[in-house]
Amino acid sequence: MKENASIDWTIKESVKAKLKVIVKRTLRQYGYPPDMQKLATKIVLKQAELIAEELTQK
């Protein structure tokens, strides 16, 4: 996921969509329940946004 995050990934929807696909694929690979993938994907992307925000402020 880190390699696919561009500088403007928090703004551009196309980049966010690509990251969502990567997260969903990873969840599926590790046997995460399909009915919980949507929520887990949201949480992972929100965490990534918060980490990115924190890193840019320093």
Protein backbone atom coordinates (compact mmCIF):
# COMPACT_ATOMS: atom_id res chain seq x y z
CA MET A 1 0.00 0.00 0.00
CA LYS A 2 2.84 2.36 0.84
CA GLU A 3 4.28 2.10 -2.69
CA ASN A 4 0.92 3.06 -4.23
CA ALA A 5 0.23 6.11 -2.10
CA SER A 6 1.03 9.24 -4.03
CA ILE A 7 1.44 12.74 -2.66
CA ASP A 8 -2.17 13.65 -3.37
CA TRP A 9 -3.78 10.32 -2.48
CA THR A 10 -6.01 11.89 0.18
CA ILE A 11 -7.57 14.18 -2.44
CA LYS A 12 -7.83 12.18 -5.67
CA GLU A 13 -10.64 9.64 -5.77
CA SER A 14 -8.91 7.50 -8.39
CA VAL A 15 -5.94 6.94 -6.10
CA LYS A 16 -8.23 6.22 -3.14
CA ALA A 17 -10.10 3.67 -5.24
CA LYS A 18 -6.86 1.92 -6.15
CA LEU A 19 -5.85 1.77 -2.48
CA LYS A 20 -9.28 0.36 -1.55
CA VAL A 21 -8.81 -2.45 -4.04
CA ILE A 22 -5.39 -3.25 -2.58
CA VAL A 23 -6.78 -3.31 0.97
CA LYS A 24 -9.73 -5.51 -0.02
CA ARG A 25 -7.44 -7.91 -1.87
CA THR A 26 -5.15 -8.14 1.16
CA LEU A 27 -8.08 -8.77 3.50
CA ARG A 28 -9.36 -11.52 1.21
CA GLN A 29 -5.90 -13.07 1.01
CA TYR A 30 -5.74 -13.42 4.79
CA GLY A 31 -9.26 -14.82 5.11
CA TYR A 32 -11.03 -11.76 6.49
CA PRO A 33 -14.84 -12.26 6.51
CA PRO A 34 -16.40 -10.81 3.33
CA ASP A 35 -19.24 -9.12 5.20
CA MET A 36 -16.78 -7.11 7.29
CA GLN A 37 -14.43 -6.05 4.47
CA LYS A 38 -16.20 -2.78 3.69
CA LEU A 39 -15.95 -1.54 7.27
CA ALA A 40 -12.37 -2.75 7.64
CA THR A 41 -11.38 -1.00 4.40
CA LYS A 42 -12.89 2.27 5.66
CA ILE A 43 -11.01 1.95 8.94
CA VAL A 44 -7.68 1.19 7.25
CA LEU A 45 -7.99 4.18 4.90
CA LYS A 46 -9.01 6.48 7.76
CA GLN A 47 -5.98 5.33 9.76
CA ALA A 48 -3.74 5.93 6.75
CA GLU A 49 -5.14 9.45 6.35
CA LEU A 50 -4.47 10.22 10.01
CA ILE A 51 -0.93 8.88 9.82
CA ALA A 52 -0.27 10.88 6.64
CA GLU A 53 -1.63 14.01 8.27
CA GLU A 54 0.58 13.49 11.32
CA LEU A 55 3.67 12.91 9.17
CA THR A 56 3.10 16.05 7.12
CA GLN A 57 2.70 18.24 10.20
CA LYS A 58 6.14 17.33 11.57
